[in-house]
Amino acid sequence: MDAPLNPPARIQPFSVTSISTRSTQKRIDAFMSEFQARTTAGQGINTAVTVQLQNLRDALHEEHERRKK
């Protein structure tokens, strides 16, 4: 018999602070660099997470460019 599946943990924010898309891009880039360094040293890159973060970064870049115009 298979073990029961556990749903992912829900993250509930306690507060919200707005930051610019430019600042968000920088934070995502820093996180991606650290994440890739950790996963490469451990067991290999988790491409699903990396691709999703790159998609988010690209979308934020597009939004930033639209707002500048």
PDB file of N, CA and C in Angstrom:
ATOM      1  N   MET A   1       0.843  -1.177   0.000  1.00  0.00           N
ATOM      2  CA  MET A   1       0.000   0.000   0.000  1.00  0.00           C
ATOM      3  C   MET A   1       0.891   1.244   0.000  1.00  0.00           C
ATOM      4  N   ASP A   2       0.526   2.235  -0.796  1.00  0.00           N
ATOM      5  CA  ASP A   2       1.297   3.468  -0.870  1.00  0.00           C
ATOM      6  C   ASP A   2       1.047   4.337   0.356  1.00  0.00           C
ATOM      7  N   ALA A   3       2.069   5.097   0.694  1.00  0.00           N
ATOM      8  CA  ALA A   3       1.932   6.029   1.819  1.00  0.00           C
ATOM      9  C   ALA A   3       0.998   7.175   1.402  1.00  0.00           C
ATOM     10  N   PRO A   4       0.224   7.703   2.348  1.00  0.00           N
ATOM     11  CA  PRO A   4      -0.676   8.805   1.998  1.00  0.00           C
ATOM     12  C   PRO A   4       0.118  10.042   1.578  1.00  0.00           C
ATOM     13  N   LEU A   5      -0.433  10.762   0.618  1.00  0.00           N
ATOM     14  CA  LEU A   5       0.226  11.974   0.144  1.00  0.00           C
ATOM     15  C   LEU A   5      -0.042  13.121   1.108  1.00  0.00           C
ATOM     16  N   ASN A   6       0.978  13.920   1.324  1.00  0.00           N
ATOM     17  CA  ASN A   6       0.839  15.093   2.177  1.00  0.00           C
ATOM     18  C   ASN A   6       0.826  16.343   1.307  1.00  0.00           C
ATOM     19  N   PRO A   7      -0.165  17.191   1.476  1.00  0.00           N
ATOM     20  CA  PRO A   7      -0.193  18.418   0.674  1.00  0.00           C
ATOM     21  C   PRO A   7       0.942  19.346   1.085  1.00  0.00           C
ATOM     22  N   PRO A   8       1.350  20.237   0.183  1.00  0.00           N
ATOM     23  CA  PRO A   8       2.424  21.173   0.548  1.00  0.00           C
ATOM     24  C   PRO A   8       1.981  22.106   1.667  1.00  0.00           C
ATOM     25  N   ALA A   9       2.955  22.593   2.408  1.00  0.00           N
ATOM     26  CA  ALA A   9       2.656  23.504   3.513  1.00  0.00           C
ATOM     27  C   ALA A   9       2.096  24.814   2.977  1.00  0.00           C
ATOM     28  N   ARG A  10       1.167  25.389   3.696  1.00  0.00           N
ATOM     29  CA  ARG A  10       0.615  26.691   3.326  1.00  0.00           C
ATOM     30  C   ARG A  10       1.403  27.779   4.030  1.00  0.00           C
ATOM     31  N   ILE A  11       1.753  28.780   3.276  1.00  0.00           N
ATOM     32  CA  ILE A  11       2.502  29.898   3.838  1.00  0.00           C
ATOM     33  C   ILE A  11       1.547  31.067   4.007  1.00  0.00           C
ATOM     34  N   GLN A  12       1.415  31.528   5.212  1.00  0.00           N
ATOM     35  CA  GLN A  12       0.546  32.649   5.526  1.00  0.00           C
ATOM     36  C   GLN A  12       1.400  33.862   5.891  1.00  0.00           C
ATOM     37  N   PRO A  13       1.337  34.937   5.108  1.00  0.00           N
ATOM     38  CA  PRO A  13       2.133  36.123   5.458  1.00  0.00           C
ATOM     39  C   PRO A  13       1.564  36.837   6.681  1.00  0.00           C
ATOM     40  N   PHE A  14       2.458  37.364   7.498  1.00  0.00           N
ATOM     41  CA  PHE A  14       2.049  38.147   8.660  1.00  0.00           C
ATOM     42  C   PHE A  14       1.913  39.615   8.321  1.00  0.00           C
ATOM     43  N   SER A  15       2.699  40.058   7.361  1.00  0.00           N
ATOM     44  CA  SER A  15       2.625  41.451   6.932  1.00  0.00           C
ATOM     45  C   SER A  15       3.052  41.538   5.472  1.00  0.00           C
ATOM     46  N   VAL A  16       2.768  42.660   4.856  1.00  0.00           N
ATOM     47  CA  VAL A  16       3.092  42.872   3.452  1.00  0.00           C
ATOM     48  C   VAL A  16       3.841  44.188   3.322  1.00  0.00           C
ATOM     49  N   THR A  17       4.939  44.152   2.588  1.00  0.00           N
ATOM     50  CA  THR A  17       5.699  45.358   2.299  1.00  0.00           C
ATOM     51  C   THR A  17       5.922  45.423   0.801  1.00  0.00           C
ATOM     52  N   SER A  18       5.508  46.507   0.179  1.00  0.00           N
ATOM     53  CA  SER A  18       5.686  46.662  -1.263  1.00  0.00           C
ATOM     54  C   SER A  18       7.128  47.011  -1.578  1.00  0.00           C
ATOM     55  N   ILE A  19       7.657  46.386  -2.645  1.00  0.00           N
ATOM     56  CA  ILE A  19       8.977  46.744  -3.135  1.00  0.00           C
ATOM     57  C   ILE A  19       8.878  46.884  -4.651  1.00  0.00           C
ATOM     58  N   SER A  20       9.824  47.572  -5.230  1.00  0.00           N
ATOM     59  CA  SER A  20       9.798  47.816  -6.671  1.00  0.00           C
ATOM     60  C   SER A  20      10.108  46.529  -7.433  1.00  0.00           C
ATOM     61  N   THR A  21       9.725  46.515  -8.704  1.00  0.00           N
ATOM     62  CA  THR A  21      10.029  45.346  -9.527  1.00  0.00           C
ATOM     63  C   THR A  21      11.535  45.197  -9.698  1.00  0.00           C
ATOM     64  N   ARG A  22      12.253  46.313  -9.760  1.00  0.00           N
ATOM     65  CA  ARG A  22      13.706  46.274  -9.912  1.00  0.00           C
ATOM     66  C   ARG A  22      14.344  45.604  -8.685  1.00  0.00           C
ATOM     67  N   SER A  23      13.893  45.980  -7.504  1.00  0.00           N
ATOM     68  CA  SER A  23      14.406  45.386  -6.272  1.00  0.00           C
ATOM     69  C   SER A  23      14.056  43.900  -6.211  1.00  0.00           C
ATOM     70  N   THR A  24      12.859  43.562  -6.651  1.00  0.00           N
ATOM     71  CA  THR A  24      12.428  42.161  -6.663  1.00  0.00           C
ATOM     72  C   THR A  24      13.305  41.341  -7.591  1.00  0.00           C
ATOM     73  N   GLN A  25      13.609  41.893  -8.771  1.00  0.00           N
ATOM     74  CA  GLN A  25      14.483  41.197  -9.718  1.00  0.00           C
ATOM     75  C   GLN A  25      15.845  40.921  -9.095  1.00  0.00           C
ATOM     76  N   LYS A  26      16.400  41.904  -8.409  1.00  0.00           N
ATOM     77  CA  LYS A  26      17.711  41.736  -7.783  1.00  0.00           C
ATOM     78  C   LYS A  26      17.667  40.656  -6.708  1.00  0.00           C
ATOM     79  N   ARG A  27      16.599  40.631  -5.935  1.00  0.00           N
ATOM     80  CA  ARG A  27      16.473  39.612  -4.889  1.00  0.00           C
ATOM     81  C   ARG A  27      16.326  38.213  -5.481  1.00  0.00           C
ATOM     82  N   ILE A  28      15.562  38.102  -6.564  1.00  0.00           N
ATOM     83  CA  ILE A  28      15.392  36.800  -7.220  1.00  0.00           C
ATOM     84  C   ILE A  28      16.719  36.334  -7.809  1.00  0.00           C
ATOM     85  N   ASP A  29      17.459  37.254  -8.449  1.00  0.00           N
ATOM     86  CA  ASP A  29      18.763  36.893  -9.005  1.00  0.00           C
ATOM     87  C   ASP A  29      19.712  36.401  -7.910  1.00  0.00           C
ATOM     88  N   ALA A  30      19.735  37.096  -6.786  1.00  0.00           N
ATOM     89  CA  ALA A  30      20.598  36.689  -5.670  1.00  0.00           C
ATOM     90  C   ALA A  30      20.172  35.317  -5.141  1.00  0.00           C
ATOM     91  N   PHE A  31      18.865  35.112  -4.995  1.00  0.00           N
ATOM     92  CA  PHE A  31      18.382  33.821  -4.506  1.00  0.00           C
ATOM     93  C   PHE A  31      18.736  32.706  -5.479  1.00  0.00           C
ATOM     94  N   MET A  32      18.555  32.964  -6.789  1.00  0.00           N
ATOM     95  CA  MET A  32      18.857  31.936  -7.795  1.00  0.00           C
ATOM     96  C   MET A  32      20.331  31.554  -7.759  1.00  0.00           C
ATOM     97  N   SER A  33      21.204  32.525  -7.593  1.00  0.00           N
ATOM     98  CA  SER A  33      22.644  32.232  -7.518  1.00  0.00           C
ATOM     99  C   SER A  33      22.946  31.355  -6.316  1.00  0.00           C
ATOM    100  N   GLU A  34      22.391  31.714  -5.170  1.00  0.00           N
ATOM    101  CA  GLU A  34      22.606  30.922  -3.956  1.00  0.00           C
ATOM    102  C   GLU A  34      21.981  29.535  -4.086  1.00  0.00           C
ATOM    103  N   PHE A  35      20.783  29.478  -4.634  1.00  0.00           N
ATOM    104  CA  PHE A  35      20.076  28.208  -4.800  1.00  0.00           C
ATOM    105  C   PHE A  35      20.864  27.272  -5.715  1.00  0.00           C
ATOM    106  N   GLN A  36      21.347  27.800  -6.839  1.00  0.00           N
ATOM    107  CA  GLN A  36      22.109  26.972  -7.773  1.00  0.00           C
ATOM    108  C   GLN A  36      23.412  26.500  -7.142  1.00  0.00           C
ATOM    109  N   ALA A  37      24.052  27.352  -6.357  1.00  0.00           N
ATOM    110  CA  ALA A  37      25.291  26.945  -5.686  1.00  0.00           C
ATOM    111  C   ALA A  37      25.025  25.819  -4.696  1.00  0.00           C
ATOM    112  N   ARG A  38      23.933  25.925  -3.942  1.00  0.00           N
ATOM    113  CA  ARG A  38      23.605  24.878  -2.956  1.00  0.00           C
ATOM    114  C   ARG A  38      23.239  23.570  -3.634  1.00  0.00           C
ATOM    115  N   THR A  39      22.390  23.626  -4.666  1.00  0.00           N
ATOM    116  CA  THR A  39      21.916  22.390  -5.283  1.00  0.00           C
ATOM    117  C   THR A  39      22.995  21.735  -6.124  1.00  0.00           C
ATOM    118  N   THR A  40      23.859  22.525  -6.759  1.00  0.00           N
ATOM    119  CA  THR A  40      24.948  21.949  -7.544  1.00  0.00           C
ATOM    120  C   THR A  40      25.909  21.202  -6.634  1.00  0.00           C
ATOM    121  N   ALA A  41      26.202  21.782  -5.481  1.00  0.00           N
ATOM    122  CA  ALA A  41      27.114  21.133  -4.534  1.00  0.00           C
ATOM    123  C   ALA A  41      26.493  19.864  -3.960  1.00  0.00           C
ATOM    124  N   GLY A  42      25.169  19.860  -3.804  1.00  0.00           N
ATOM    125  CA  GLY A  42      24.500  18.722  -3.170  1.00  0.00           C
ATOM    126  C   GLY A  42      24.205  17.587  -4.114  1.00  0.00           C
ATOM    127  N   GLN A  43      23.298  17.796  -5.037  1.00  0.00           N
ATOM    128  CA  GLN A  43      22.833  16.672  -5.847  1.00  0.00           C
ATOM    129  C   GLN A  43      22.492  17.030  -7.275  1.00  0.00           C
ATOM    130  N   GLY A  44      22.680  18.240  -7.659  1.00  0.00           N
ATOM    131  CA  GLY A  44      22.320  18.650  -9.006  1.00  0.00           C
ATOM    132  C   GLY A  44      21.210  19.681  -8.952  1.00  0.00           C
ATOM    133  N   ILE A  45      21.106  20.440 -10.002  1.00  0.00           N
ATOM    134  CA  ILE A  45      20.155  21.554 -10.033  1.00  0.00           C
ATOM    135  C   ILE A  45      18.730  21.047 -10.211  1.00  0.00           C
ATOM    136  N   ASN A  46      17.815  21.574  -9.438  1.00  0.00           N
ATOM    137  CA  ASN A  46      16.391  21.298  -9.592  1.00  0.00           C
ATOM    138  C   ASN A  46      15.877  22.243 -10.673  1.00  0.00           C
ATOM    139  N   THR A  47      15.812  21.756 -11.902  1.00  0.00           N
ATOM    140  CA  THR A  47      15.498  22.631 -13.029  1.00  0.00           C
ATOM    141  C   THR A  47      14.085  23.191 -12.964  1.00  0.00           C
ATOM    142  N   ALA A  48      13.155  22.475 -12.378  1.00  0.00           N
ATOM    143  CA  ALA A  48      11.777  22.978 -12.303  1.00  0.00           C
ATOM    144  C   ALA A  48      11.727  24.278 -11.505  1.00  0.00           C
ATOM    145  N   VAL A  49      12.397  24.318 -10.384  1.00  0.00           N
ATOM    146  CA  VAL A  49      12.417  25.518  -9.550  1.00  0.00           C
ATOM    147  C   VAL A  49      13.157  26.635 -10.267  1.00  0.00           C
ATOM    148  N   THR A  50      14.300  26.321 -10.858  1.00  0.00           N
ATOM    149  CA  THR A  50      15.100  27.318 -11.547  1.00  0.00           C
ATOM    150  C   THR A  50      14.331  27.929 -12.714  1.00  0.00           C
ATOM    151  N   VAL A  51      13.643  27.115 -13.488  1.00  0.00           N
ATOM    152  CA  VAL A  51      12.874  27.619 -14.634  1.00  0.00           C
ATOM    153  C   VAL A  51      11.741  28.519 -14.164  1.00  0.00           C
ATOM    154  N   GLN A  52      11.047  28.145 -13.119  1.00  0.00           N
ATOM    155  CA  GLN A  52       9.956  28.977 -12.613  1.00  0.00           C
ATOM    156  C   GLN A  52      10.471  30.325 -12.099  1.00  0.00           C
ATOM    157  N   LEU A  53      11.606  30.315 -11.425  1.00  0.00           N
ATOM    158  CA  LEU A  53      12.188  31.570 -10.955  1.00  0.00           C
ATOM    159  C   LEU A  53      12.649  32.442 -12.116  1.00  0.00           C
ATOM    160  N   GLN A  54      13.193  31.838 -13.154  1.00  0.00           N
ATOM    161  CA  GLN A  54      13.592  32.608 -14.330  1.00  0.00           C
ATOM    162  C   GLN A  54      12.372  33.203 -15.020  1.00  0.00           C
ATOM    163  N   ASN A  55      11.289  32.446 -15.096  1.00  0.00           N
ATOM    164  CA  ASN A  55      10.047  32.967 -15.685  1.00  0.00           C
ATOM    165  C   ASN A  55       9.529  34.154 -14.887  1.00  0.00           C
ATOM    166  N   LEU A  56       9.581  34.049 -13.569  1.00  0.00           N
ATOM    167  CA  LEU A  56       9.149  35.156 -12.715  1.00  0.00           C
ATOM    168  C   LEU A  56      10.038  36.373 -12.928  1.00  0.00           C
ATOM    169  N   ARG A  57      11.340  36.159 -12.965  1.00  0.00           N
ATOM    170  CA  ARG A  57      12.278  37.261 -13.186  1.00  0.00           C
ATOM    171  C   ARG A  57      12.013  37.937 -14.530  1.00  0.00           C
ATOM    172  N   ASP A  58      11.786  37.142 -15.579  1.00  0.00           N
ATOM    173  CA  ASP A  58      11.514  37.707 -16.908  1.00  0.00           C
ATOM    174  C   ASP A  58      10.211  38.507 -16.926  1.00  0.00           C
ATOM    175  N   ALA A  59       9.194  37.993 -16.256  1.00  0.00           N
ATOM    176  CA  ALA A  59       7.911  38.700 -16.197  1.00  0.00           C
ATOM    177  C   ALA A  59       8.064  40.026 -15.449  1.00  0.00           C
ATOM    178  N   LEU A  60       8.830  40.020 -14.376  1.00  0.00           N
ATOM    179  CA  LEU A  60       9.063  41.259 -13.633  1.00  0.00           C
ATOM    180  C   LEU A  60       9.851  42.256 -14.470  1.00  0.00           C
ATOM    181  N   HIS A  61      10.787  41.769 -15.260  1.00  0.00           N
ATOM    182  CA  HIS A  61      11.554  42.651 -16.138  1.00  0.00           C
ATOM    183  C   HIS A  61      10.632  43.304 -17.177  1.00  0.00           C
ATOM    184  N   GLU A  62       9.745  42.508 -17.760  1.00  0.00           N
ATOM    185  CA  GLU A  62       8.792  43.050 -18.735  1.00  0.00           C
ATOM    186  C   GLU A  62       7.887  44.091 -18.091  1.00  0.00           C
ATOM    187  N   GLU A  63       7.419  43.811 -16.891  1.00  0.00           N
ATOM    188  CA  GLU A  63       6.558  44.761 -16.186  1.00  0.00           C
ATOM    189  C   GLU A  63       7.321  46.056 -15.898  1.00  0.00           C
ATOM    190  N   HIS A  64       8.562  45.921 -15.486  1.00  0.00           N
ATOM    191  CA  HIS A  64       9.395  47.101 -15.202  1.00  0.00           C
ATOM    192  C   HIS A  64       9.566  47.951 -16.472  1.00  0.00           C
ATOM    193  N   GLU A  65       9.814  47.300 -17.598  1.00  0.00           N
ATOM    194  CA  GLU A  65       9.993  48.023 -18.854  1.00  0.00           C
ATOM    195  C   GLU A  65       8.702  48.728 -19.286  1.00  0.00           C
ATOM    196  N   ARG A  66       7.562  48.091 -19.081  1.00  0.00           N
ATOM    197  CA  ARG A  66       6.270  48.716 -19.430  1.00  0.00           C
ATOM    198  C   ARG A  66       6.013  49.950 -18.577  1.00  0.00           C
ATOM    199  N   ARG A  67       6.358  49.880 -17.315  1.00  0.00           N
ATOM    200  CA  ARG A  67       6.121  51.016 -16.414  1.00  0.00           C
ATOM    201  C   ARG A  67       7.031  52.194 -16.727  1.00  0.00           C
ATOM    202  N   LYS A  68       8.215  51.907 -17.252  1.00  0.00           N
ATOM    203  CA  LYS A  68       9.149  52.982 -17.579  1.00  0.00           C
ATOM    204  C   LYS A  68       8.653  53.827 -18.755  1.00  0.00           C
ATOM    205  N   LYS A  69       7.862  53.245 -19.626  1.00  0.00           N
ATOM    206  CA  LYS A  69       7.413  53.960 -20.839  1.00  0.00           C
ATOM    207  C   LYS A  69       6.258  54.879 -20.569  1.00  0.00           C
TER     208      LYS A  69
END
